[in-house]
Amino acid sequence: LVATRQDELGRVAAVLGLASVQRLDLPDGTIDLQPGVALRLRAAVERVSPDIVMLPWYLDALRDHRVTNVLYAWGCADLTCMVLAYEVWQMLEPNAVLDITDQLDEKLALVTKYRSQTATVDYLGFVEGIARTRAFYSPVRTNRGGAAEAYLALPNTDYCDLVTSVYGADGQLSMDAKRLLA
């Protein structure tokens, strides 16, 4: 499964023309909240030196997505960039919405490349449905049509402060974190 998902990511990266893909090769579903892992994540981010970091929303339904946010906040809080937190398995309260009507077909085609993740769940239908729902509630086209993506967009320091206010800082998990990461 790991090799399949890496292959799927490689195919999507090629279509998007990405210059690089950084992997930490962490175990799926059981990422440890260790300062050493946060440092490895920081090193990967520093290799790219991004202006924008995109992360799954810090309260996403998938534990690995929540853990990734904690590790990022622990390791990268002092970096200068913007964070765009996006929806994967749970909707967020956005402060930024982008019109993707003209890119929706391309996005859906990219989602189909993740066959291992779409074989057992209608994620393609979810992605289209959420894009249409976002366009309805944040009208990007006339008649509330079209498609949109929603983000929680914050300067990196503010985003990391938000994450650590929920989960805890410097390797010290809060009581909420223990419940959220169980």
N, C-alpha and C. Protein backbone atom coordinates (compact mmCIF):
# COMPACT_ATOMS: atom_id res chain seq x y z
N LEU A 1 0.82 -1.20 0.00
CA LEU A 1 0.00 0.00 0.00
C LEU A 1 0.87 1.26 0.00
N VAL A 2 1.95 1.24 0.77
CA VAL A 2 2.85 2.40 0.82
C VAL A 2 3.42 2.67 -0.57
N ALA A 3 3.90 1.64 -1.23
CA ALA A 3 4.47 1.80 -2.57
C ALA A 3 3.41 2.29 -3.56
N THR A 4 2.20 1.77 -3.45
CA THR A 4 1.11 2.20 -4.33
C THR A 4 0.82 3.67 -4.14
N ARG A 5 0.73 4.11 -2.89
CA ARG A 5 0.43 5.52 -2.63
C ARG A 5 1.57 6.44 -3.06
N GLN A 6 2.80 5.98 -2.91
CA GLN A 6 3.93 6.79 -3.39
C GLN A 6 3.89 6.91 -4.91
N ASP A 7 3.52 5.81 -5.57
CA ASP A 7 3.40 5.84 -7.03
C ASP A 7 2.28 6.79 -7.45
N GLU A 8 1.15 6.75 -6.76
CA GLU A 8 0.04 7.65 -7.06
C GLU A 8 0.46 9.11 -6.88
N LEU A 9 1.13 9.40 -5.79
CA LEU A 9 1.61 10.76 -5.54
C LEU A 9 2.60 11.19 -6.63
N GLY A 10 3.46 10.28 -7.03
CA GLY A 10 4.42 10.59 -8.09
C GLY A 10 3.74 10.94 -9.40
N ARG A 11 2.67 10.22 -9.73
CA ARG A 11 1.93 10.51 -10.96
C ARG A 11 1.25 11.87 -10.89
N VAL A 12 0.67 12.18 -9.74
CA VAL A 12 0.02 13.49 -9.58
C VAL A 12 1.07 14.60 -9.62
N ALA A 13 2.19 14.40 -8.96
CA ALA A 13 3.27 15.40 -8.97
C ALA A 13 3.75 15.66 -10.38
N ALA A 14 3.84 14.61 -11.19
CA ALA A 14 4.28 14.78 -12.58
C ALA A 14 3.27 15.61 -13.38
N VAL A 15 1.99 15.33 -13.20
CA VAL A 15 0.95 16.09 -13.91
C VAL A 15 1.00 17.55 -13.50
N LEU A 16 1.22 17.81 -12.21
CA LEU A 16 1.27 19.18 -11.71
C LEU A 16 2.59 19.88 -12.02
N GLY A 17 3.59 19.10 -12.42
CA GLY A 17 4.89 19.69 -12.73
C GLY A 17 5.64 20.14 -11.48
N LEU A 18 5.46 19.42 -10.38
CA LEU A 18 6.13 19.79 -9.14
C LEU A 18 7.63 19.59 -9.25
N ALA A 19 8.39 20.51 -8.70
CA ALA A 19 9.85 20.44 -8.75
C ALA A 19 10.38 19.35 -7.83
N SER A 20 9.69 19.10 -6.72
CA SER A 20 10.15 18.08 -5.79
C SER A 20 9.00 17.59 -4.93
N VAL A 21 9.17 16.41 -4.38
CA VAL A 21 8.25 15.86 -3.39
C VAL A 21 9.11 15.44 -2.20
N GLN A 22 8.78 15.96 -1.03
CA GLN A 22 9.52 15.62 0.18
C GLN A 22 8.75 14.55 0.94
N ARG A 23 9.43 13.46 1.29
CA ARG A 23 8.80 12.36 2.04
C ARG A 23 9.55 12.15 3.34
N LEU A 24 8.80 11.88 4.39
CA LEU A 24 9.43 11.55 5.67
C LEU A 24 9.39 10.05 5.93
N ASP A 25 8.64 9.31 5.08
CA ASP A 25 8.52 7.86 5.22
C ASP A 25 8.10 7.45 6.62
N LEU A 26 7.06 8.10 7.13
CA LEU A 26 6.51 7.77 8.44
C LEU A 26 5.42 6.72 8.27
N PRO A 27 5.19 5.90 9.30
CA PRO A 27 4.17 4.85 9.18
C PRO A 27 2.76 5.45 9.11
N ASP A 28 1.99 4.98 8.16
CA ASP A 28 0.63 5.45 7.96
C ASP A 28 -0.25 5.05 9.14
N GLY A 29 -0.93 6.03 9.72
CA GLY A 29 -1.87 5.74 10.81
C GLY A 29 -1.27 5.70 12.18
N THR A 30 0.05 5.75 12.30
CA THR A 30 0.67 5.63 13.62
C THR A 30 1.84 6.59 13.79
N ILE A 31 1.71 7.80 13.26
CA ILE A 31 2.79 8.77 13.39
C ILE A 31 2.97 9.13 14.86
N ASP A 32 4.22 9.09 15.32
CA ASP A 32 4.53 9.44 16.70
C ASP A 32 4.71 10.95 16.85
N LEU A 33 4.24 11.46 17.97
CA LEU A 33 4.45 12.88 18.30
C LEU A 33 5.77 13.01 19.05
N GLN A 34 6.85 13.00 18.29
CA GLN A 34 8.18 13.08 18.86
C GLN A 34 8.87 14.34 18.34
N PRO A 35 9.61 15.05 19.21
CA PRO A 35 10.34 16.23 18.74
C PRO A 35 11.27 15.92 17.56
N GLY A 36 11.85 14.74 17.53
CA GLY A 36 12.73 14.37 16.42
C GLY A 36 12.00 14.34 15.09
N VAL A 37 10.74 13.89 15.10
CA VAL A 37 9.95 13.88 13.88
C VAL A 37 9.61 15.31 13.46
N ALA A 38 9.35 16.18 14.43
CA ALA A 38 9.10 17.60 14.12
C ALA A 38 10.33 18.22 13.47
N LEU A 39 11.50 17.85 13.92
CA LEU A 39 12.73 18.38 13.32
C LEU A 39 12.93 17.85 11.90
N ARG A 40 12.58 16.60 11.66
CA ARG A 40 12.66 16.04 10.31
C ARG A 40 11.70 16.76 9.37
N LEU A 41 10.50 17.06 9.88
CA LEU A 41 9.52 17.80 9.09
C LEU A 41 10.05 19.20 8.78
N ARG A 42 10.64 19.85 9.78
CA ARG A 42 11.20 21.18 9.57
C ARG A 42 12.29 21.14 8.49
N ALA A 43 13.15 20.14 8.55
CA ALA A 43 14.23 20.02 7.55
C ALA A 43 13.64 19.89 6.15
N ALA A 44 12.56 19.12 6.02
CA ALA A 44 11.92 18.96 4.70
C ALA A 44 11.33 20.29 4.23
N VAL A 45 10.72 21.04 5.13
CA VAL A 45 10.15 22.34 4.76
C VAL A 45 11.27 23.31 4.39
N GLU A 46 12.35 23.30 5.15
CA GLU A 46 13.47 24.21 4.86
C GLU A 46 14.13 23.91 3.53
N ARG A 47 14.13 22.63 3.11
CA ARG A 47 14.72 22.29 1.80
C ARG A 47 13.97 22.99 0.67
N VAL A 48 12.68 23.20 0.86
CA VAL A 48 11.85 23.81 -0.17
C VAL A 48 11.77 25.33 0.02
N SER A 49 11.84 25.79 1.25
CA SER A 49 11.74 27.23 1.57
C SER A 49 10.50 27.86 0.95
N PRO A 50 9.32 27.36 1.33
CA PRO A 50 8.10 27.81 0.67
C PRO A 50 7.61 29.18 1.15
N ASP A 51 6.88 29.84 0.27
CA ASP A 51 6.16 31.05 0.65
C ASP A 51 4.82 30.68 1.27
N ILE A 52 4.26 29.55 0.80
CA ILE A 52 2.97 29.06 1.28
C ILE A 52 3.12 27.58 1.64
N VAL A 53 2.61 27.21 2.81
CA VAL A 53 2.56 25.81 3.24
C VAL A 53 1.09 25.42 3.28
N MET A 54 0.76 24.32 2.63
CA MET A 54 -0.60 23.81 2.66
C MET A 54 -0.64 22.58 3.54
N LEU A 55 -1.56 22.61 4.50
CA LEU A 55 -1.72 21.52 5.45
C LEU A 55 -3.19 21.13 5.52
N PRO A 56 -3.48 19.86 5.77
CA PRO A 56 -4.86 19.52 6.08
C PRO A 56 -5.25 20.29 7.34
N TRP A 57 -6.49 20.66 7.46
CA TRP A 57 -6.99 21.42 8.60
C TRP A 57 -6.61 20.74 9.92
N TYR A 58 -6.24 21.52 10.91
CA TYR A 58 -5.72 20.98 12.16
C TYR A 58 -6.74 20.19 12.98
N LEU A 59 -8.03 20.29 12.64
CA LEU A 59 -9.05 19.49 13.32
C LEU A 59 -9.68 18.47 12.36
N ASP A 60 -8.99 18.14 11.28
CA ASP A 60 -9.51 17.17 10.31
C ASP A 60 -9.81 15.85 11.01
N ALA A 61 -10.74 15.10 10.46
CA ALA A 61 -11.17 13.85 11.07
C ALA A 61 -10.09 12.77 11.08
N LEU A 62 -9.09 12.86 10.23
CA LEU A 62 -8.04 11.84 10.18
C LEU A 62 -6.93 12.17 11.18
N ARG A 63 -6.62 11.24 12.05
CA ARG A 63 -5.62 11.46 13.09
C ARG A 63 -4.27 11.89 12.51
N ASP A 64 -3.81 11.23 11.45
CA ASP A 64 -2.52 11.60 10.87
C ASP A 64 -2.49 13.07 10.44
N HIS A 65 -3.62 13.58 9.99
CA HIS A 65 -3.67 14.99 9.59
C HIS A 65 -3.54 15.91 10.80
N ARG A 66 -4.17 15.53 11.90
CA ARG A 66 -4.04 16.33 13.14
C ARG A 66 -2.62 16.26 13.66
N VAL A 67 -2.03 15.08 13.67
CA VAL A 67 -0.66 14.90 14.14
C VAL A 67 0.32 15.69 13.28
N THR A 68 0.12 15.68 11.97
CA THR A 68 0.99 16.45 11.08
C THR A 68 0.98 17.93 11.46
N ASN A 69 -0.18 18.45 11.78
CA ASN A 69 -0.28 19.85 12.20
C ASN A 69 0.47 20.11 13.50
N VAL A 70 0.37 19.21 14.45
CA VAL A 70 1.09 19.37 15.72
C VAL A 70 2.60 19.35 15.47
N LEU A 71 3.06 18.39 14.70
CA LEU A 71 4.49 18.30 14.41
C LEU A 71 4.97 19.54 13.66
N TYR A 72 4.15 20.01 12.72
CA TYR A 72 4.51 21.22 11.98
C TYR A 72 4.61 22.41 12.95
N ALA A 73 3.62 22.58 13.80
CA ALA A 73 3.62 23.71 14.75
C ALA A 73 4.81 23.62 15.70
N TRP A 74 5.15 22.43 16.15
CA TRP A 74 6.29 22.27 17.06
C TRP A 74 7.62 22.58 16.36
N GLY A 75 7.71 22.22 15.10
CA GLY A 75 8.99 22.34 14.42
C GLY A 75 9.17 23.58 13.56
N CYS A 76 8.07 24.22 13.17
CA CYS A 76 8.17 25.25 12.13
C CYS A 76 7.56 26.60 12.50
N ALA A 77 7.24 26.81 13.75
CA ALA A 77 6.52 28.02 14.15
C ALA A 77 7.24 29.31 13.82
N ASP A 78 8.54 29.28 13.75
CA ASP A 78 9.30 30.53 13.53
C ASP A 78 9.58 30.81 12.05
N LEU A 79 9.11 29.96 11.15
CA LEU A 79 9.35 30.19 9.74
C LEU A 79 8.46 31.31 9.20
N THR A 80 8.92 31.97 8.16
CA THR A 80 8.17 33.06 7.56
C THR A 80 7.48 32.55 6.29
N CYS A 81 6.18 32.36 6.38
CA CYS A 81 5.38 31.92 5.25
C CYS A 81 3.91 32.06 5.63
N MET A 82 3.05 31.73 4.70
CA MET A 82 1.61 31.66 4.96
C MET A 82 1.22 30.20 5.02
N VAL A 83 0.20 29.91 5.83
CA VAL A 83 -0.36 28.56 5.87
C VAL A 83 -1.77 28.62 5.31
N LEU A 84 -2.04 27.70 4.41
CA LEU A 84 -3.40 27.48 3.92
C LEU A 84 -3.82 26.09 4.40
N ALA A 85 -4.71 26.05 5.37
CA ALA A 85 -5.23 24.77 5.86
C ALA A 85 -6.48 24.44 5.03
N TYR A 86 -6.53 23.21 4.56
CA TYR A 86 -7.60 22.82 3.65
C TYR A 86 -8.40 21.65 4.21
N GLU A 87 -9.56 21.43 3.60
CA GLU A 87 -10.48 20.38 4.02
C GLU A 87 -10.11 19.06 3.35
N VAL A 88 -10.17 17.99 4.13
CA VAL A 88 -10.01 16.66 3.55
C VAL A 88 -11.21 15.81 3.95
N TRP A 89 -11.34 15.48 5.22
CA TRP A 89 -12.41 14.61 5.70
C TRP A 89 -13.44 15.34 6.56
N GLN A 90 -13.23 16.63 6.74
CA GLN A 90 -14.16 17.40 7.57
C GLN A 90 -14.09 18.86 7.12
N MET A 91 -15.26 19.49 7.07
CA MET A 91 -15.30 20.89 6.64
C MET A 91 -14.76 21.80 7.74
N LEU A 92 -14.20 22.91 7.32
CA LEU A 92 -13.66 23.90 8.26
C LEU A 92 -14.41 25.21 8.12
N GLU A 93 -14.20 26.11 9.06
CA GLU A 93 -14.75 27.46 8.98
C GLU A 93 -13.71 28.32 8.27
N PRO A 94 -13.95 28.68 7.00
CA PRO A 94 -12.92 29.34 6.20
C PRO A 94 -12.84 30.84 6.44
N ASN A 95 -11.67 31.38 6.17
CA ASN A 95 -11.52 32.83 6.06
C ASN A 95 -11.02 33.20 4.66
N ALA A 96 -10.88 32.20 3.78
CA ALA A 96 -10.49 32.43 2.40
C ALA A 96 -11.18 31.39 1.52
N VAL A 97 -11.74 31.85 0.42
CA VAL A 97 -12.42 30.97 -0.53
C VAL A 97 -11.93 31.34 -1.92
N LEU A 98 -11.55 30.33 -2.69
CA LEU A 98 -11.05 30.54 -4.05
C LEU A 98 -11.98 29.89 -5.07
N ASP A 99 -12.26 30.60 -6.12
CA ASP A 99 -13.07 30.09 -7.22
C ASP A 99 -12.22 29.08 -8.01
N ILE A 100 -12.66 27.82 -8.05
CA ILE A 100 -11.95 26.79 -8.83
C ILE A 100 -12.84 26.22 -9.93
N THR A 101 -13.88 26.97 -10.29
CA THR A 101 -14.82 26.48 -11.30
C THR A 101 -14.09 26.01 -12.56
N ASP A 102 -13.17 26.81 -13.03
CA ASP A 102 -12.47 26.47 -14.27
C ASP A 102 -11.44 25.36 -14.09
N GLN A 103 -11.08 25.03 -12.87
CA GLN A 103 -10.10 23.98 -12.59
C GLN A 103 -10.73 22.71 -12.02
N LEU A 104 -12.04 22.70 -11.81
CA LEU A 104 -12.67 21.56 -11.14
C LEU A 104 -12.46 20.25 -11.89
N ASP A 105 -12.65 20.24 -13.20
CA ASP A 105 -12.46 18.99 -13.96
C ASP A 105 -11.04 18.46 -13.80
N GLU A 106 -10.05 19.36 -13.85
CA GLU A 106 -8.65 18.94 -13.67
C GLU A 106 -8.43 18.39 -12.26
N LYS A 107 -9.02 19.04 -11.26
CA LYS A 107 -8.89 18.55 -9.88
C LYS A 107 -9.50 17.17 -9.74
N LEU A 108 -10.67 16.97 -10.30
CA LEU A 108 -11.33 15.66 -10.21
C LEU A 108 -10.50 14.59 -10.94
N ALA A 109 -9.90 14.95 -12.06
CA ALA A 109 -9.04 14.00 -12.77
C ALA A 109 -7.83 13.62 -11.91
N LEU A 110 -7.29 14.57 -11.17
CA LEU A 110 -6.16 14.26 -10.29
C LEU A 110 -6.60 13.34 -9.15
N VAL A 111 -7.78 13.58 -8.61
CA VAL A 111 -8.30 12.74 -7.52
C VAL A 111 -8.43 11.29 -7.98
N THR A 112 -8.83 11.07 -9.23
CA THR A 112 -8.98 9.70 -9.73
C THR A 112 -7.66 8.95 -9.79
N LYS A 113 -6.54 9.66 -9.78
CA LYS A 113 -5.23 9.01 -9.80
C LYS A 113 -4.91 8.34 -8.46
N TYR A 114 -5.63 8.70 -7.43
CA TYR A 114 -5.44 8.09 -6.11
C TYR A 114 -6.39 6.88 -5.97
N ARG A 115 -6.19 5.90 -6.81
CA ARG A 115 -7.09 4.74 -6.86
C ARG A 115 -7.16 3.99 -5.54
N SER A 116 -6.03 3.89 -4.83
CA SER A 116 -6.04 3.15 -3.57
C SER A 116 -6.92 3.84 -2.53
N GLN A 117 -7.10 5.13 -2.67
CA GLN A 117 -7.88 5.87 -1.68
C GLN A 117 -9.32 6.12 -2.12
N THR A 118 -9.59 5.90 -3.40
CA THR A 118 -10.96 6.09 -3.88
C THR A 118 -11.67 4.77 -4.17
N ALA A 119 -10.97 3.66 -3.99
CA ALA A 119 -11.56 2.35 -4.30
C ALA A 119 -12.68 1.97 -3.33
N THR A 120 -12.59 2.42 -2.09
CA THR A 120 -13.57 1.99 -1.09
C THR A 120 -14.50 3.10 -0.61
N VAL A 121 -14.27 4.31 -1.10
CA VAL A 121 -15.11 5.43 -0.67
C VAL A 121 -15.29 6.37 -1.86
N ASP A 122 -16.44 7.00 -1.96
CA ASP A 122 -16.71 7.91 -3.07
C ASP A 122 -16.10 9.27 -2.78
N TYR A 123 -14.77 9.31 -2.71
CA TYR A 123 -14.09 10.56 -2.42
C TYR A 123 -14.22 11.53 -3.59
N LEU A 124 -14.30 11.01 -4.79
CA LEU A 124 -14.49 11.87 -5.96
C LEU A 124 -15.81 12.64 -5.84
N GLY A 125 -16.87 11.94 -5.46
CA GLY A 125 -18.16 12.59 -5.26
C GLY A 125 -18.11 13.60 -4.13
N PHE A 126 -17.38 13.26 -3.07
CA PHE A 126 -17.23 14.18 -1.95
C PHE A 126 -16.50 15.45 -2.38
N VAL A 127 -15.40 15.30 -3.11
CA VAL A 127 -14.61 16.45 -3.55
C VAL A 127 -15.46 17.38 -4.42
N GLU A 128 -16.21 16.79 -5.36
CA GLU A 128 -17.06 17.63 -6.20
C GLU A 128 -18.18 18.26 -5.37
N GLY A 129 -18.77 17.47 -4.50
CA GLY A 129 -19.87 17.98 -3.68
C GLY A 129 -19.44 19.13 -2.77
N ILE A 130 -18.29 18.99 -2.14
CA ILE A 130 -17.84 20.05 -1.24
C ILE A 130 -17.46 21.30 -2.04
N ALA A 131 -16.90 21.12 -3.24
CA ALA A 131 -16.57 22.28 -4.08
C ALA A 131 -17.84 23.02 -4.50
N ARG A 132 -18.86 22.28 -4.83
CA ARG A 132 -20.13 22.91 -5.22
C ARG A 132 -20.81 23.55 -4.00
N THR A 133 -20.73 22.88 -2.86
CA THR A 133 -21.30 23.44 -1.63
C THR A 133 -20.60 24.72 -1.24
N ARG A 134 -19.28 24.73 -1.32
CA ARG A 134 -18.51 25.94 -0.99
C ARG A 134 -18.89 27.08 -1.93
N ALA A 135 -19.09 26.79 -3.20
CA ALA A 135 -19.49 27.84 -4.15
C ALA A 135 -20.89 28.35 -3.84
N PHE A 136 -21.75 27.48 -3.34
CA PHE A 136 -23.10 27.91 -3.00
C PHE A 136 -23.08 28.86 -1.81
N TYR A 137 -22.32 28.53 -0.78
CA TYR A 137 -22.30 29.34 0.43
C TYR A 137 -21.37 30.55 0.36
N SER A 138 -20.42 30.54 -0.54
CA SER A 138 -19.53 31.69 -0.76
C SER A 138 -19.58 31.98 -2.25
N PRO A 139 -20.63 32.60 -2.69
CA PRO A 139 -20.87 32.73 -4.13
C PRO A 139 -19.67 33.26 -4.91
N VAL A 140 -19.15 32.42 -5.76
CA VAL A 140 -18.03 32.80 -6.62
C VAL A 140 -18.49 32.99 -8.06
N ARG A 141 -19.69 32.54 -8.36
CA ARG A 141 -20.29 32.69 -9.69
C ARG A 141 -21.76 33.09 -9.50
N THR A 142 -22.35 33.54 -10.57
CA THR A 142 -23.75 33.93 -10.48
C THR A 142 -24.61 32.72 -10.14
N ASN A 143 -25.74 33.00 -9.54
CA ASN A 143 -26.71 31.96 -9.20
C ASN A 143 -26.15 30.92 -8.22
N ARG A 144 -25.09 31.30 -7.49
CA ARG A 144 -24.45 30.41 -6.50
C ARG A 144 -23.96 29.11 -7.14
N GLY A 145 -23.61 29.16 -8.40
CA GLY A 145 -23.08 27.99 -9.10
C GLY A 145 -21.57 27.98 -9.05
N GLY A 146 -20.98 27.05 -9.78
CA GLY A 146 -19.54 26.96 -9.85
C GLY A 146 -18.97 26.02 -8.81
N ALA A 147 -17.70 26.24 -8.51
CA ALA A 147 -16.99 25.39 -7.54
C ALA A 147 -15.96 26.26 -6.82
N ALA A 148 -15.71 25.94 -5.56
CA ALA A 148 -14.77 26.72 -4.77
C ALA A 148 -14.04 25.82 -3.79
N GLU A 149 -12.87 26.28 -3.37
CA GLU A 149 -12.12 25.65 -2.27
C GLU A 149 -12.08 26.63 -1.12
N ALA A 150 -12.17 26.09 0.08
CA ALA A 150 -12.16 26.91 1.29
C ALA A 150 -10.91 26.61 2.09
N TYR A 151 -10.36 27.66 2.70
CA TYR A 151 -9.12 27.54 3.47
C TYR A 151 -9.22 28.33 4.77
N LEU A 152 -8.47 27.90 5.74
CA LEU A 152 -8.13 28.73 6.88
C LEU A 152 -6.74 29.25 6.54
N ALA A 153 -6.65 30.54 6.20
CA ALA A 153 -5.41 31.15 5.75
C ALA A 153 -4.88 32.07 6.83
N LEU A 154 -3.67 31.79 7.31
CA LEU A 154 -3.06 32.59 8.37
C LEU A 154 -1.56 32.69 8.16
N PRO A 155 -0.96 33.77 8.65
CA PRO A 155 0.50 33.79 8.71
C PRO A 155 0.98 32.60 9.54
N ASN A 156 2.11 32.04 9.18
CA ASN A 156 2.62 30.84 9.81
C ASN A 156 2.62 30.91 11.34
N THR A 157 3.14 31.99 11.90
CA THR A 157 3.22 32.11 13.36
C THR A 157 1.84 32.04 13.99
N ASP A 158 0.88 32.73 13.39
CA ASP A 158 -0.49 32.72 13.93
C ASP A 158 -1.10 31.33 13.83
N TYR A 159 -0.87 30.66 12.69
CA TYR A 159 -1.42 29.31 12.53
C TYR A 159 -0.81 28.36 13.57
N CYS A 160 0.49 28.42 13.73
CA CYS A 160 1.15 27.53 14.69
C CYS A 160 0.70 27.85 16.12
N ASP A 161 0.49 29.12 16.43
CA ASP A 161 -0.04 29.49 17.75
C ASP A 161 -1.42 28.89 17.96
N LEU A 162 -2.25 28.92 16.93
CA LEU A 162 -3.59 28.35 17.02
C LEU A 162 -3.50 26.84 17.27
N VAL A 163 -2.66 26.16 16.52
CA VAL A 163 -2.50 24.71 16.68
C VAL A 163 -2.00 24.37 18.09
N THR A 164 -0.98 25.08 18.56
CA THR A 164 -0.45 24.76 19.89
C THR A 164 -1.42 25.17 21.01
N SER A 165 -2.30 26.14 20.76
CA SER A 165 -3.30 26.48 21.78
C SER A 165 -4.28 25.34 21.99
N VAL A 166 -4.47 24.52 20.96
CA VAL A 166 -5.37 23.37 21.06
C VAL A 166 -4.63 22.13 21.54
N TYR A 167 -3.46 21.87 20.99
CA TYR A 167 -2.77 20.61 21.22
C TYR A 167 -1.64 20.67 22.25
N GLY A 168 -1.09 21.84 22.48
CA GLY A 168 0.05 21.96 23.38
C GLY A 168 1.32 22.24 22.59
N ALA A 169 2.30 22.80 23.29
CA ALA A 169 3.54 23.22 22.64
C ALA A 169 4.73 22.45 23.18
N ASP A 170 5.80 22.44 22.39
CA ASP A 170 7.09 21.91 22.81
C ASP A 170 7.02 20.51 23.40
N GLY A 171 6.27 19.66 22.76
CA GLY A 171 6.22 18.27 23.18
C GLY A 171 5.30 17.99 24.36
N GLN A 172 4.61 18.99 24.85
CA GLN A 172 3.70 18.83 25.99
C GLN A 172 2.26 18.86 25.50
N LEU A 173 1.63 17.71 25.44
CA LEU A 173 0.26 17.64 24.95
C LEU A 173 -0.73 18.15 25.99
N SER A 174 -1.73 18.89 25.53
CA SER A 174 -2.80 19.37 26.39
C SER A 174 -3.78 18.23 26.65
N MET A 175 -4.69 18.45 27.58
CA MET A 175 -5.73 17.45 27.85
C MET A 175 -6.61 17.27 26.61
N ASP A 176 -6.93 18.38 25.92
CA ASP A 176 -7.71 18.29 24.69
C ASP A 176 -6.99 17.44 23.65
N ALA A 177 -5.68 17.61 23.56
CA ALA A 177 -4.89 16.88 22.57
C ALA A 177 -4.99 15.38 22.80
N LYS A 178 -4.93 14.97 24.03
CA LYS A 178 -5.00 13.54 24.33
C LYS A 178 -6.33 12.96 23.85
N ARG A 179 -7.40 13.74 23.94
CA ARG A 179 -8.70 13.30 23.46
C ARG A 179 -8.74 13.35 21.93
N LEU A 180 -8.24 14.43 21.34
CA LEU A 180 -8.29 14.61 19.90
C LEU A 180 -7.36 13.65 19.15
N LEU A 181 -6.32 13.19 19.79
CA LEU A 181 -5.36 12.32 19.13
C LEU A 181 -5.49 10.86 19.53
N ALA A 182 -6.52 10.55 20.30
CA ALA A 182 -6.73 9.17 20.75
C ALA A 182 -7.12 8.27 19.60
